[in-house]
Amino acid sequence: HGASRTDSGSFATLPTFEVPKAVLDAALKATQPIGNGLYGVDVKEIAGKGYVIEVNDNPSIDSGVEDKYLGDELYRVIMSEFLRRMDNRSKGLD
């Protein structure tokens, strides 16, 4: 067993309009059975095809990674969506 070693693949943080269509389609399709929520979807692109590795229902949102494109606006968007959903639920609109 010897020395401990960890390997991981690389990743890219992109605005959704720059994500290859096959990758975005694979991520969205993977979340459909679960429902409307906040998910982290790990997708590997091979030869132009998107392969879902996993869907995380408690995703990491790391500073400098997920917020690389939007910065603090990402957190405002997420909080606004949660507030909208809570308001709708309190009004019986969920």
PDB file of N, CA and C in Angstrom:
ATOM      1  N   HIS A   1       0.821  -1.185   0.000  1.00  0.00           N
ATOM      2  CA  HIS A   1       0.000   0.000   0.000  1.00  0.00           C
ATOM      3  C   HIS A   1       0.868   1.254   0.000  1.00  0.00           C
ATOM      4  N   GLY A   2       1.870   1.352   0.804  1.00  0.00           N
ATOM      5  CA  GLY A   2       2.857   2.421   0.734  1.00  0.00           C
ATOM      6  C   GLY A   2       2.299   3.820   0.850  1.00  0.00           C
ATOM      7  N   ALA A   3       2.899   4.719   0.093  1.00  0.00           N
ATOM      8  CA  ALA A   3       2.551   6.144   0.164  1.00  0.00           C
ATOM      9  C   ALA A   3       1.140   6.394  -0.352  1.00  0.00           C
ATOM     10  N   SER A   4       0.471   7.297   0.317  1.00  0.00           N
ATOM     11  CA  SER A   4      -0.884   7.687  -0.083  1.00  0.00           C
ATOM     12  C   SER A   4      -0.797   8.659  -1.254  1.00  0.00           C
ATOM     13  N   ARG A   5      -1.702   8.487  -2.222  1.00  0.00           N
ATOM     14  CA  ARG A   5      -1.690   9.361  -3.388  1.00  0.00           C
ATOM     15  C   ARG A   5      -3.120   9.574  -3.862  1.00  0.00           C
ATOM     16  N   THR A   6      -3.415  10.789  -4.230  1.00  0.00           N
ATOM     17  CA  THR A   6      -4.736  11.110  -4.751  1.00  0.00           C
ATOM     18  C   THR A   6      -4.588  11.729  -6.131  1.00  0.00           C
ATOM     19  N   ASP A   7      -5.352  11.231  -7.085  1.00  0.00           N
ATOM     20  CA  ASP A   7      -5.397  11.809  -8.422  1.00  0.00           C
ATOM     21  C   ASP A   7      -6.800  12.318  -8.669  1.00  0.00           C
ATOM     22  N   SER A   8      -6.893  13.443  -9.314  1.00  0.00           N
ATOM     23  CA  SER A   8      -8.211  13.939  -9.703  1.00  0.00           C
ATOM     24  C   SER A   8      -8.091  14.589 -11.067  1.00  0.00           C
ATOM     25  N   GLY A   9      -9.209  14.610 -11.756  1.00  0.00           N
ATOM     26  CA  GLY A   9      -9.237  15.215 -13.075  1.00  0.00           C
ATOM     27  C   GLY A   9      -9.311  16.724 -12.984  1.00  0.00           C
ATOM     28  N   SER A  10      -9.132  17.337 -14.095  1.00  0.00           N
ATOM     29  CA  SER A  10      -9.224  18.793 -14.125  1.00  0.00           C
ATOM     30  C   SER A  10     -10.683  19.200 -14.303  1.00  0.00           C
ATOM     31  N   PHE A  11     -10.939  20.467 -14.142  1.00  0.00           N
ATOM     32  CA  PHE A  11     -12.288  20.982 -14.331  1.00  0.00           C
ATOM     33  C   PHE A  11     -12.189  22.388 -14.894  1.00  0.00           C
ATOM     34  N   ALA A  12     -13.283  22.844 -15.421  1.00  0.00           N
ATOM     35  CA  ALA A  12     -13.357  24.207 -15.938  1.00  0.00           C
ATOM     36  C   ALA A  12     -14.630  24.844 -15.417  1.00  0.00           C
ATOM     37  N   THR A  13     -14.529  26.093 -14.993  1.00  0.00           N
ATOM     38  CA  THR A  13     -15.700  26.858 -14.576  1.00  0.00           C
ATOM     39  C   THR A  13     -16.113  27.730 -15.752  1.00  0.00           C
ATOM     40  N   LEU A  14     -17.326  27.509 -16.236  1.00  0.00           N
ATOM     41  CA  LEU A  14     -17.807  28.230 -17.415  1.00  0.00           C
ATOM     42  C   LEU A  14     -19.185  28.805 -17.158  1.00  0.00           C
ATOM     43  N   PRO A  15     -19.503  29.933 -17.793  1.00  0.00           N
ATOM     44  CA  PRO A  15     -20.901  30.372 -17.779  1.00  0.00           C
ATOM     45  C   PRO A  15     -21.714  29.371 -18.601  1.00  0.00           C
ATOM     46  N   THR A  16     -22.971  29.212 -18.258  1.00  0.00           N
ATOM     47  CA  THR A  16     -23.773  28.174 -18.923  1.00  0.00           C
ATOM     48  C   THR A  16     -23.823  28.342 -20.437  1.00  0.00           C
ATOM     49  N   PHE A  17     -23.734  29.580 -20.930  1.00  0.00           N
ATOM     50  CA  PHE A  17     -23.800  29.756 -22.380  1.00  0.00           C
ATOM     51  C   PHE A  17     -22.531  29.271 -23.093  1.00  0.00           C
ATOM     52  N   GLU A  18     -21.474  28.963 -22.346  1.00  0.00           N
ATOM     53  CA  GLU A  18     -20.252  28.423 -22.947  1.00  0.00           C
ATOM     54  C   GLU A  18     -20.105  26.910 -22.740  1.00  0.00           C
ATOM     55  N   VAL A  19     -20.983  26.320 -21.946  1.00  0.00           N
ATOM     56  CA  VAL A  19     -20.916  24.875 -21.695  1.00  0.00           C
ATOM     57  C   VAL A  19     -21.363  24.150 -22.963  1.00  0.00           C
ATOM     58  N   PRO A  20     -20.608  23.142 -23.401  1.00  0.00           N
ATOM     59  CA  PRO A  20     -21.042  22.382 -24.576  1.00  0.00           C
ATOM     60  C   PRO A  20     -22.455  21.828 -24.379  1.00  0.00           C
ATOM     61  N   LYS A  21     -23.265  21.907 -25.420  1.00  0.00           N
ATOM     62  CA  LYS A  21     -24.671  21.497 -25.338  1.00  0.00           C
ATOM     63  C   LYS A  21     -24.819  20.070 -24.810  1.00  0.00           C
ATOM     64  N   ALA A  22     -23.980  19.156 -25.253  1.00  0.00           N
ATOM     65  CA  ALA A  22     -24.081  17.758 -24.800  1.00  0.00           C
ATOM     66  C   ALA A  22     -23.859  17.643 -23.296  1.00  0.00           C
ATOM     67  N   VAL A  23     -22.967  18.446 -22.753  1.00  0.00           N
ATOM     68  CA  VAL A  23     -22.676  18.416 -21.315  1.00  0.00           C
ATOM     69  C   VAL A  23     -23.848  18.999 -20.532  1.00  0.00           C
ATOM     70  N   LEU A  24     -24.358  20.148 -20.973  1.00  0.00           N
ATOM     71  CA  LEU A  24     -25.494  20.782 -20.296  1.00  0.00           C
ATOM     72  C   LEU A  24     -26.732  19.896 -20.367  1.00  0.00           C
ATOM     73  N   ASP A  25     -26.992  19.320 -21.528  1.00  0.00           N
ATOM     74  CA  ASP A  25     -28.149  18.424 -21.683  1.00  0.00           C
ATOM     75  C   ASP A  25     -28.045  17.215 -20.751  1.00  0.00           C
ATOM     76  N   ALA A  26     -26.852  16.633 -20.638  1.00  0.00           N
ATOM     77  CA  ALA A  26     -26.662  15.472 -19.755  1.00  0.00           C
ATOM     78  C   ALA A  26     -26.916  15.852 -18.304  1.00  0.00           C
ATOM     79  N   ALA A  27     -26.417  17.022 -17.884  1.00  0.00           N
ATOM     80  CA  ALA A  27     -26.606  17.470 -16.499  1.00  0.00           C
ATOM     81  C   ALA A  27     -28.079  17.721 -16.200  1.00  0.00           C
ATOM     82  N   LEU A  28     -28.770  18.401 -17.093  1.00  0.00           N
ATOM     83  CA  LEU A  28     -30.190  18.695 -16.874  1.00  0.00           C
ATOM     84  C   LEU A  28     -31.032  17.418 -16.871  1.00  0.00           C
ATOM     85  N   LYS A  29     -30.734  16.507 -17.775  1.00  0.00           N
ATOM     86  CA  LYS A  29     -31.476  15.241 -17.834  1.00  0.00           C
ATOM     87  C   LYS A  29     -31.285  14.435 -16.546  1.00  0.00           C
ATOM     88  N   ALA A  30     -30.080  14.461 -15.996  1.00  0.00           N
ATOM     89  CA  ALA A  30     -29.790  13.691 -14.778  1.00  0.00           C
ATOM     90  C   ALA A  30     -30.570  14.195 -13.574  1.00  0.00           C
ATOM     91  N   THR A  31     -30.923  15.471 -13.547  1.00  0.00           N
ATOM     92  CA  THR A  31     -31.643  16.020 -12.392  1.00  0.00           C
ATOM     93  C   THR A  31     -33.158  15.918 -12.526  1.00  0.00           C
ATOM     94  N   GLN A  32     -33.679  15.648 -13.706  1.00  0.00           N
ATOM     95  CA  GLN A  32     -35.133  15.607 -13.908  1.00  0.00           C
ATOM     96  C   GLN A  32     -35.855  14.628 -12.991  1.00  0.00           C
ATOM     97  N   PRO A  33     -35.362  13.403 -12.794  1.00  0.00           N
ATOM     98  CA  PRO A  33     -36.091  12.480 -11.910  1.00  0.00           C
ATOM     99  C   PRO A  33     -36.121  12.931 -10.451  1.00  0.00           C
ATOM    100  N   ILE A  34     -35.185  13.777 -10.060  1.00  0.00           N
ATOM    101  CA  ILE A  34     -35.085  14.205  -8.668  1.00  0.00           C
ATOM    102  C   ILE A  34     -36.020  15.374  -8.377  1.00  0.00           C
ATOM    103  N   GLY A  35     -36.191  16.249  -9.340  1.00  0.00           N
ATOM    104  CA  GLY A  35     -37.071  17.394  -9.153  1.00  0.00           C
ATOM    105  C   GLY A  35     -36.320  18.708  -9.124  1.00  0.00           C
ATOM    106  N   ASN A  36     -37.058  19.744  -8.781  1.00  0.00           N
ATOM    107  CA  ASN A  36     -36.546  21.106  -8.808  1.00  0.00           C
ATOM    108  C   ASN A  36     -35.737  21.372  -7.544  1.00  0.00           C
ATOM    109  N   GLY A  37     -34.444  21.555  -7.678  1.00  0.00           N
ATOM    110  CA  GLY A  37     -33.599  21.789  -6.515  1.00  0.00           C
ATOM    111  C   GLY A  37     -32.270  22.388  -6.904  1.00  0.00           C
ATOM    112  N   LEU A  38     -31.368  22.419  -5.952  1.00  0.00           N
ATOM    113  CA  LEU A  38     -30.009  22.899  -6.185  1.00  0.00           C
ATOM    114  C   LEU A  38     -29.102  21.677  -6.164  1.00  0.00           C
ATOM    115  N   TYR A  39     -28.485  21.377  -7.288  1.00  0.00           N
ATOM    116  CA  TYR A  39     -27.664  20.185  -7.417  1.00  0.00           C
ATOM    117  C   TYR A  39     -26.301  20.537  -7.983  1.00  0.00           C
ATOM    118  N   GLY A  40     -25.336  19.739  -7.633  1.00  0.00           N
ATOM    119  CA  GLY A  40     -24.045  19.763  -8.300  1.00  0.00           C
ATOM    120  C   GLY A  40     -23.988  18.517  -9.158  1.00  0.00           C
ATOM    121  N   VAL A  41     -23.754  18.691 -10.429  1.00  0.00           N
ATOM    122  CA  VAL A  41     -23.710  17.546 -11.334  1.00  0.00           C
ATOM    123  C   VAL A  41     -22.295  17.442 -11.895  1.00  0.00           C
ATOM    124  N   ASP A  42     -21.658  16.318 -11.634  1.00  0.00           N
ATOM    125  CA  ASP A  42     -20.321  16.073 -12.168  1.00  0.00           C
ATOM    126  C   ASP A  42     -20.477  15.380 -13.512  1.00  0.00           C
ATOM    127  N   VAL A  43     -19.974  16.023 -14.546  1.00  0.00           N
ATOM    128  CA  VAL A  43     -20.095  15.504 -15.902  1.00  0.00           C
ATOM    129  C   VAL A  43     -18.704  15.432 -16.516  1.00  0.00           C
ATOM    130  N   LYS A  44     -18.428  14.334 -17.159  1.00  0.00           N
ATOM    131  CA  LYS A  44     -17.166  14.176 -17.880  1.00  0.00           C
ATOM    132  C   LYS A  44     -17.483  14.238 -19.365  1.00  0.00           C
ATOM    133  N   GLU A  45     -16.727  15.031 -20.086  1.00  0.00           N
ATOM    134  CA  GLU A  45     -16.920  15.129 -21.529  1.00  0.00           C
ATOM    135  C   GLU A  45     -15.852  14.297 -22.229  1.00  0.00           C
ATOM    136  N   ILE A  46     -16.327  13.381 -23.058  1.00  0.00           N
ATOM    137  CA  ILE A  46     -15.418  12.540 -23.839  1.00  0.00           C
ATOM    138  C   ILE A  46     -15.895  12.559 -25.285  1.00  0.00           C
ATOM    139  N   ALA A  47     -15.025  12.981 -26.157  1.00  0.00           N
ATOM    140  CA  ALA A  47     -15.320  13.005 -27.600  1.00  0.00           C
ATOM    141  C   ALA A  47     -16.640  13.711 -27.901  1.00  0.00           C
ATOM    142  N   GLY A  48     -16.879  14.830 -27.208  1.00  0.00           N
ATOM    143  CA  GLY A  48     -18.067  15.626 -27.477  1.00  0.00           C
ATOM    144  C   GLY A  48     -19.349  15.130 -26.836  1.00  0.00           C
ATOM    145  N   LYS A  49     -19.281  14.068 -26.038  1.00  0.00           N
ATOM    146  CA  LYS A  49     -20.456  13.542 -25.337  1.00  0.00           C
ATOM    147  C   LYS A  49     -20.325  13.797 -23.852  1.00  0.00           C
ATOM    148  N   GLY A  50     -21.454  14.070 -23.194  1.00  0.00           N
ATOM    149  CA  GLY A  50     -21.469  14.297 -21.757  1.00  0.00           C
ATOM    150  C   GLY A  50     -21.862  13.039 -21.003  1.00  0.00           C
ATOM    151  N   TYR A  51     -21.044  12.629 -20.036  1.00  0.00           N
ATOM    152  CA  TYR A  51     -21.316  11.455 -19.207  1.00  0.00           C
ATOM    153  C   TYR A  51     -21.438  11.895 -17.755  1.00  0.00           C
ATOM    154  N   VAL A  52     -22.590  11.636 -17.148  1.00  0.00           N
ATOM    155  CA  VAL A  52     -22.819  12.032 -15.757  1.00  0.00           C
ATOM    156  C   VAL A  52     -22.096  11.055 -14.842  1.00  0.00           C
ATOM    157  N   ILE A  53     -21.261  11.601 -13.972  1.00  0.00           N
ATOM    158  CA  ILE A  53     -20.528  10.807 -12.992  1.00  0.00           C
ATOM    159  C   ILE A  53     -21.354  10.689 -11.712  1.00  0.00           C
ATOM    160  N   GLU A  54     -21.902  11.816 -11.258  1.00  0.00           N
ATOM    161  CA  GLU A  54     -22.767  11.798 -10.071  1.00  0.00           C
ATOM    162  C   GLU A  54     -23.563  13.089  -9.991  1.00  0.00           C
ATOM    163  N   VAL A  55     -24.674  13.010  -9.250  1.00  0.00           N
ATOM    164  CA  VAL A  55     -25.502  14.176  -8.939  1.00  0.00           C
ATOM    165  C   VAL A  55     -25.442  14.361  -7.431  1.00  0.00           C
ATOM    166  N   ASN A  56     -25.026  15.532  -7.003  1.00  0.00           N
ATOM    167  CA  ASN A  56     -24.883  15.840  -5.580  1.00  0.00           C
ATOM    168  C   ASN A  56     -26.054  16.698  -5.120  1.00  0.00           C
ATOM    169  N   ASP A  57     -26.837  16.187  -4.165  1.00  0.00           N
ATOM    170  CA  ASP A  57     -27.970  16.968  -3.667  1.00  0.00           C
ATOM    171  C   ASP A  57     -27.545  17.949  -2.577  1.00  0.00           C
ATOM    172  N   ASN A  58     -26.299  17.918  -2.202  1.00  0.00           N
ATOM    173  CA  ASN A  58     -25.747  18.872  -1.241  1.00  0.00           C
ATOM    174  C   ASN A  58     -24.415  19.359  -1.824  1.00  0.00           C
ATOM    175  N   PRO A  59     -24.505  20.158  -2.896  1.00  0.00           N
ATOM    176  CA  PRO A  59     -23.293  20.492  -3.641  1.00  0.00           C
ATOM    177  C   PRO A  59     -22.373  21.467  -2.912  1.00  0.00           C
ATOM    178  N   SER A  60     -21.106  21.333  -3.202  1.00  0.00           N
ATOM    179  CA  SER A  60     -20.142  22.331  -2.734  1.00  0.00           C
ATOM    180  C   SER A  60     -20.282  23.567  -3.613  1.00  0.00           C
ATOM    181  N   ILE A  61     -20.197  24.697  -3.003  1.00  0.00           N
ATOM    182  CA  ILE A  61     -20.140  25.954  -3.749  1.00  0.00           C
ATOM    183  C   ILE A  61     -18.899  26.664  -3.224  1.00  0.00           C
ATOM    184  N   ASP A  62     -17.778  26.364  -3.859  1.00  0.00           N
ATOM    185  CA  ASP A  62     -16.493  26.850  -3.382  1.00  0.00           C
ATOM    186  C   ASP A  62     -16.159  28.219  -3.960  1.00  0.00           C
ATOM    187  N   SER A  63     -15.710  29.088  -3.083  1.00  0.00           N
ATOM    188  CA  SER A  63     -15.265  30.411  -3.503  1.00  0.00           C
ATOM    189  C   SER A  63     -14.102  30.257  -4.481  1.00  0.00           C
ATOM    190  N   GLY A  64     -14.199  30.961  -5.591  1.00  0.00           N
ATOM    191  CA  GLY A  64     -13.149  30.892  -6.594  1.00  0.00           C
ATOM    192  C   GLY A  64     -13.318  29.767  -7.590  1.00  0.00           C
ATOM    193  N   VAL A  65     -14.330  28.923  -7.379  1.00  0.00           N
ATOM    194  CA  VAL A  65     -14.592  27.824  -8.319  1.00  0.00           C
ATOM    195  C   VAL A  65     -15.971  28.040  -8.930  1.00  0.00           C
ATOM    196  N   GLU A  66     -17.023  27.647  -8.201  1.00  0.00           N
ATOM    197  CA  GLU A  66     -18.378  27.806  -8.736  1.00  0.00           C
ATOM    198  C   GLU A  66     -18.744  29.272  -8.954  1.00  0.00           C
ATOM    199  N   ASP A  67     -18.175  30.161  -8.162  1.00  0.00           N
ATOM    200  CA  ASP A  67     -18.500  31.583  -8.314  1.00  0.00           C
ATOM    201  C   ASP A  67     -17.488  32.333  -9.182  1.00  0.00           C
ATOM    202  N   LYS A  68     -16.661  31.603  -9.892  1.00  0.00           N
ATOM    203  CA  LYS A  68     -15.601  32.234 -10.688  1.00  0.00           C
ATOM    204  C   LYS A  68     -16.158  33.196 -11.735  1.00  0.00           C
ATOM    205  N   TYR A  69     -17.267  32.846 -12.357  1.00  0.00           N
ATOM    206  CA  TYR A  69     -17.832  33.688 -13.418  1.00  0.00           C
ATOM    207  C   TYR A  69     -18.712  34.803 -12.863  1.00  0.00           C
ATOM    208  N   LEU A  70     -19.645  34.467 -11.968  1.00  0.00           N
ATOM    209  CA  LEU A  70     -20.600  35.459 -11.460  1.00  0.00           C
ATOM    210  C   LEU A  70     -20.130  36.178 -10.200  1.00  0.00           C
ATOM    211  N   GLY A  71     -19.180  35.627  -9.499  1.00  0.00           N
ATOM    212  CA  GLY A  71     -18.734  36.231  -8.243  1.00  0.00           C
ATOM    213  C   GLY A  71     -19.864  36.233  -7.221  1.00  0.00           C
ATOM    214  N   ASP A  72     -19.971  37.319  -6.454  1.00  0.00           N
ATOM    215  CA  ASP A  72     -20.992  37.413  -5.402  1.00  0.00           C
ATOM    216  C   ASP A  72     -22.418  37.337  -5.943  1.00  0.00           C
ATOM    217  N   GLU A  73     -22.599  37.646  -7.218  1.00  0.00           N
ATOM    218  CA  GLU A  73     -23.938  37.583  -7.809  1.00  0.00           C
ATOM    219  C   GLU A  73     -24.498  36.160  -7.744  1.00  0.00           C
ATOM    220  N   LEU A  74     -23.642  35.156  -7.813  1.00  0.00           N
ATOM    221  CA  LEU A  74     -24.104  33.769  -7.705  1.00  0.00           C
ATOM    222  C   LEU A  74     -24.859  33.552  -6.405  1.00  0.00           C
ATOM    223  N   TYR A  75     -24.321  34.060  -5.312  1.00  0.00           N
ATOM    224  CA  TYR A  75     -24.950  33.873  -4.000  1.00  0.00           C
ATOM    225  C   TYR A  75     -26.269  34.644  -3.913  1.00  0.00           C
ATOM    226  N   ARG A  76     -26.320  35.819  -4.528  1.00  0.00           N
ATOM    227  CA  ARG A  76     -27.581  36.580  -4.556  1.00  0.00           C
ATOM    228  C   ARG A  76     -28.651  35.829  -5.352  1.00  0.00           C
ATOM    229  N   VAL A  77     -28.259  35.249  -6.470  1.00  0.00           N
ATOM    230  CA  VAL A  77     -29.202  34.491  -7.300  1.00  0.00           C
ATOM    231  C   VAL A  77     -29.741  33.287  -6.528  1.00  0.00           C
ATOM    232  N   ILE A  78     -28.865  32.550  -5.870  1.00  0.00           N
ATOM    233  CA  ILE A  78     -29.292  31.373  -5.103  1.00  0.00           C
ATOM    234  C   ILE A  78     -30.214  31.776  -3.963  1.00  0.00           C
ATOM    235  N   MET A  79     -29.832  32.795  -3.201  1.00  0.00           N
ATOM    236  CA  MET A  79     -30.666  33.230  -2.069  1.00  0.00           C
ATOM    237  C   MET A  79     -32.004  33.780  -2.541  1.00  0.00           C
ATOM    238  N   SER A  80     -32.010  34.500  -3.659  1.00  0.00           N
ATOM    239  CA  SER A  80     -33.270  35.026  -4.200  1.00  0.00           C
ATOM    240  C   SER A  80     -34.205  33.898  -4.603  1.00  0.00           C
ATOM    241  N   GLU A  81     -33.649  32.857  -5.190  1.00  0.00           N
ATOM    242  CA  GLU A  81     -34.474  31.710  -5.591  1.00  0.00           C
ATOM    243  C   GLU A  81     -35.043  30.996  -4.373  1.00  0.00           C
ATOM    244  N   PHE A  82     -34.231  30.796  -3.339  1.00  0.00           N
ATOM    245  CA  PHE A  82     -34.744  30.175  -2.112  1.00  0.00           C
ATOM    246  C   PHE A  82     -35.838  31.031  -1.493  1.00  0.00           C
ATOM    247  N   LEU A  83     -35.658  32.347  -1.468  1.00  0.00           N
ATOM    248  CA  LEU A  83     -36.674  33.255  -0.924  1.00  0.00           C
ATOM    249  C   LEU A  83     -37.959  33.172  -1.744  1.00  0.00           C
ATOM    250  N   ARG A  84     -37.836  33.144  -3.074  1.00  0.00           N
ATOM    251  CA  ARG A  84     -39.012  33.035  -3.946  1.00  0.00           C
ATOM    252  C   ARG A  84     -39.773  31.744  -3.652  1.00  0.00           C
ATOM    253  N   ARG A  85     -39.054  30.654  -3.477  1.00  0.00           N
ATOM    254  CA  ARG A  85     -39.701  29.369  -3.200  1.00  0.00           C
ATOM    255  C   ARG A  85     -40.384  29.371  -1.838  1.00  0.00           C
ATOM    256  N   MET A  86     -39.752  29.981  -0.840  1.00  0.00           N
ATOM    257  CA  MET A  86     -40.378  30.061   0.489  1.00  0.00           C
ATOM    258  C   MET A  86     -41.625  30.931   0.444  1.00  0.00           C
ATOM    259  N   ASP A  87     -41.560  32.053  -0.277  1.00  0.00           N
ATOM    260  CA  ASP A  87     -42.738  32.916  -0.424  1.00  0.00           C
ATOM    261  C   ASP A  87     -43.873  32.160  -1.104  1.00  0.00           C
ATOM    262  N   ASN A  88     -43.559  31.455  -2.180  1.00  0.00           N
ATOM    263  CA  ASN A  88     -44.584  30.678  -2.886  1.00  0.00           C
ATOM    264  C   ASN A  88     -45.186  29.605  -1.991  1.00  0.00           C
ATOM    265  N   ARG A  89     -44.347  28.948  -1.211  1.00  0.00           N
ATOM    266  CA  ARG A  89     -44.838  27.903  -0.307  1.00  0.00           C
ATOM    267  C   ARG A  89     -45.776  28.504   0.735  1.00  0.00           C
ATOM    268  N   SER A  90     -45.415  29.671   1.284  1.00  0.00           N
ATOM    269  CA  SER A  90     -46.261  30.297   2.309  1.00  0.00           C
ATOM    270  C   SER A  90     -47.595  30.754   1.732  1.00  0.00           C
ATOM    271  N   LYS A  91     -47.634  30.986   0.416  1.00  0.00           N
ATOM    272  CA  LYS A  91     -48.873  31.393  -0.259  1.00  0.00           C
ATOM    273  C   LYS A  91     -49.615  30.198  -0.848  1.00  0.00           C
ATOM    274  N   GLY A  92     -49.079  28.993  -0.618  1.00  0.00           N
ATOM    275  CA  GLY A  92     -49.718  27.794  -1.154  1.00  0.00           C
ATOM    276  C   GLY A  92     -49.533  27.626  -2.647  1.00  0.00           C
ATOM    277  N   LEU A  93     -48.498  28.241  -3.202  1.00  0.00           N
ATOM    278  CA  LEU A  93     -48.270  28.195  -4.647  1.00  0.00           C
ATOM    279  C   LEU A  93     -47.218  27.176  -5.068  1.00  0.00           C
ATOM    280  N   ASP A  94     -46.699  26.411  -4.126  1.00  0.00           N
ATOM    281  CA  ASP A  94     -45.653  25.460  -4.509  1.00  0.00           C
ATOM    282  C   ASP A  94     -46.297  24.284  -5.151  1.00  0.00           C
TER     283      ASP A  94
END
